Amino acid sequence: MRPAIDPRVQRFLEIHSVSERDAVEADVADHRDQTPAERWQVLVTLCRTLSWWQSRPQEERERMLDSRDLPHPSYLEIVRRLRSP
């Protein structure tokens, strides 16, 4: 039986086990068949998000960028196993 693995670690391993070309293709595949109206809606959402971000005080933006989620407890064990000979 395989040990349980944090989904975030699993995603990290999946991302880093494919070629860069395949990773980019996976990121854009969902958007290839969008209509112009759907693409416009994505652009509107991005612009609103950027506007909100720029309206925040500089200290708050820096604090947000500096904050990090702690890794799942299994992460260090997985990295140790991957690095072991």
Protein backbone atom coordinates (compact mmCIF):
# COMPACT_ATOMS: atom_id res chain seq x y z
CA MET A 1 0.00 0.00 0.00
CA ARG A 2 1.37 3.39 -0.98
CA PRO A 3 1.64 6.01 1.75
CA ALA A 4 -0.81 8.90 1.58
CA ILE A 5 0.62 11.92 -0.15
CA ASP A 6 -0.42 15.52 0.14
CA PRO A 7 -2.31 16.55 -3.03
CA ARG A 8 -0.14 19.66 -3.34
CA VAL A 9 3.01 17.54 -3.31
CA GLN A 10 1.43 15.17 -5.82
CA ARG A 11 0.64 18.11 -8.12
CA PHE A 12 4.22 19.40 -7.72
CA LEU A 13 5.61 16.01 -8.69
CA GLU A 14 3.25 15.75 -11.66
CA ILE A 15 4.21 19.22 -12.89
CA HIS A 16 7.92 18.49 -12.64
CA SER A 17 7.68 15.09 -14.31
CA VAL A 18 6.42 16.41 -17.66
CA SER A 19 8.23 18.41 -20.30
CA GLU A 20 7.89 22.18 -20.30
CA ARG A 21 6.02 22.02 -23.59
CA ASP A 22 3.47 19.57 -22.17
CA ALA A 23 3.08 21.67 -19.01
CA VAL A 24 2.33 24.81 -21.04
CA GLU A 25 -0.06 22.88 -23.27
CA ALA A 26 -1.94 21.62 -20.20
CA ASP A 27 -2.21 25.19 -18.88
CA VAL A 28 -3.65 26.62 -22.09
CA ALA A 29 -5.70 23.64 -23.32
CA ASP A 30 -8.86 24.76 -21.52
CA HIS A 31 -8.67 28.18 -23.17
CA ARG A 32 -8.11 27.09 -26.77
CA ASP A 33 -11.81 26.67 -27.55
CA GLN A 34 -13.05 29.79 -25.78
CA THR A 35 -15.25 32.19 -27.65
CA PRO A 36 -14.20 35.83 -27.92
CA ALA A 37 -16.85 36.68 -25.30
CA GLU A 38 -15.39 34.13 -22.89
CA ARG A 39 -11.88 35.46 -23.46
CA TRP A 40 -13.15 38.98 -22.86
CA GLN A 41 -14.64 37.88 -19.53
CA VAL A 42 -11.27 36.43 -18.49
CA LEU A 43 -9.60 39.74 -19.39
CA VAL A 44 -12.19 41.70 -17.39
CA THR A 45 -11.61 39.47 -14.37
CA LEU A 46 -7.84 39.89 -14.62
CA CYS A 47 -8.17 43.68 -14.89
CA ARG A 48 -10.44 43.82 -11.84
CA THR A 49 -8.00 41.69 -9.88
CA LEU A 50 -5.07 43.91 -10.88
CA SER A 51 -7.05 47.02 -9.98
CA TRP A 52 -7.87 45.57 -6.56
CA TRP A 53 -4.22 44.59 -6.03
CA GLN A 54 -2.93 48.04 -6.94
CA SER A 55 -5.44 49.69 -4.60
CA ARG A 56 -3.95 47.89 -1.58
CA PRO A 57 -1.36 49.73 0.50
CA GLN A 58 2.25 48.85 -0.36
CA GLU A 59 2.83 47.28 3.08
CA GLU A 60 -0.16 44.99 2.64
CA ARG A 61 0.99 43.87 -0.81
CA GLU A 62 4.45 43.11 0.53
CA ARG A 63 2.96 41.18 3.45
CA MET A 64 0.80 39.14 1.06
CA LEU A 65 3.76 38.34 -1.16
CA ASP A 66 5.89 37.36 1.83
CA SER A 67 3.29 35.04 3.37
CA ARG A 68 3.76 31.33 2.72
CA ASP A 69 1.68 28.28 3.52
CA LEU A 70 3.55 25.74 5.57
CA PRO A 71 4.17 22.51 3.65
CA HIS A 72 2.26 19.38 4.51
CA PRO A 73 4.09 17.24 7.11
CA SER A 74 4.69 14.56 4.46
CA TYR A 75 6.63 16.98 2.25
CA LEU A 76 9.96 16.77 4.06
CA GLU A 77 9.79 12.98 4.15
CA ILE A 78 9.05 12.83 0.43
CA VAL A 79 11.91 15.17 -0.39
CA ARG A 80 14.26 13.13 1.83
CA ARG A 81 13.26 9.93 0.01
CA LEU A 82 13.67 11.54 -3.42
CA ARG A 83 17.15 12.79 -2.55
CA SER A 84 18.36 9.54 -1.02
CA PRO A 85 20.56 7.35 -3.25
